[in-house]
Amino acid sequence: MANQYSVEIHKYISDKIAIAASRKKEAEAANDPTTCRFYEGQLFELDKIREYMAQNIDLKTQRYY
């Protein structure tokens, strides 16, 4: 069950990363540095969550993303 839970969390994080990256591109196209910076921070946080999970929670024999 723990493995399935990790898979679902990674799926959720991947979806959030895709949305944030898309919105960051939109902000760059609209020349909106404040919004762009917000999404850069969100992408950084999501990356750190994924890194933590890979080091402390995920099975070492499986790639989740």
Protein backbone atom coordinates (compact mmCIF):
# COMPACT_ATOMS: atom_id res chain seq x y z
CA MET A 1 0.00 0.00 0.00
CA ALA A 2 2.83 2.43 0.79
CA ASN A 3 4.20 2.00 -2.74
CA GLN A 4 0.84 2.92 -4.28
CA TYR A 5 0.61 5.93 -1.99
CA SER A 6 4.01 7.16 -3.20
CA VAL A 7 2.97 6.67 -6.81
CA GLU A 8 -0.14 8.78 -6.28
CA ILE A 9 1.82 11.54 -4.55
CA HIS A 10 4.33 11.64 -7.41
CA LYS A 11 1.48 11.80 -9.91
CA TYR A 12 -0.01 14.74 -7.99
CA ILE A 13 3.36 16.52 -7.85
CA SER A 14 3.97 15.91 -11.56
CA ASP A 15 0.56 17.40 -12.41
CA LYS A 16 1.31 20.45 -10.25
CA ILE A 17 4.73 20.87 -11.91
CA ALA A 18 3.18 20.76 -15.38
CA ILE A 19 0.57 23.38 -14.43
CA ALA A 20 3.14 25.68 -12.77
CA ALA A 21 5.53 25.41 -15.72
CA SER A 22 2.73 26.24 -18.15
CA ARG A 23 1.60 29.24 -16.11
CA LYS A 24 5.19 30.43 -15.76
CA LYS A 25 5.53 30.41 -19.57
CA GLU A 26 2.30 32.42 -19.83
CA ALA A 27 3.64 34.95 -17.31
CA GLU A 28 6.89 35.23 -19.25
CA ALA A 29 4.96 35.82 -22.46
CA ALA A 30 2.87 38.52 -20.73
CA ASN A 31 6.05 40.09 -19.32
CA ASP A 32 4.79 39.73 -15.74
CA PRO A 33 7.88 39.26 -13.55
CA THR A 34 5.96 39.02 -10.25
CA THR A 35 3.81 36.12 -11.40
CA CYS A 36 6.79 34.50 -13.09
CA ARG A 37 8.74 34.64 -9.85
CA PHE A 38 5.80 33.11 -7.96
CA TYR A 39 5.74 30.10 -10.27
CA GLU A 40 9.53 29.76 -10.09
CA GLY A 41 9.16 29.49 -6.31
CA GLN A 42 6.37 26.97 -6.64
CA LEU A 43 8.46 24.84 -9.01
CA PHE A 44 11.38 25.02 -6.57
CA GLU A 45 9.18 23.86 -3.67
CA LEU A 46 7.71 20.99 -5.66
CA ASP A 47 11.20 19.90 -6.69
CA LYS A 48 12.32 19.91 -3.05
CA ILE A 49 9.30 17.81 -2.03
CA ARG A 50 10.10 15.31 -4.76
CA GLU A 51 13.76 15.25 -3.68
CA TYR A 52 12.78 14.59 -0.05
CA MET A 53 10.48 11.76 -1.06
CA ALA A 54 13.18 10.18 -3.23
CA GLN A 55 15.67 10.24 -0.34
CA ASN A 56 13.43 9.26 2.56
CA ILE A 57 10.23 7.55 1.44
CA ASP A 58 10.44 5.98 -2.02
CA LEU A 59 11.53 2.42 -2.58
CA LYS A 60 15.10 2.42 -3.86
CA THR A 61 14.29 -0.23 -6.46
CA GLN A 62 11.67 1.79 -8.32
CA ARG A 63 11.59 5.06 -10.24
CA TYR A 64 8.43 7.03 -9.55
CA TYR A 65 8.68 9.89 -12.03
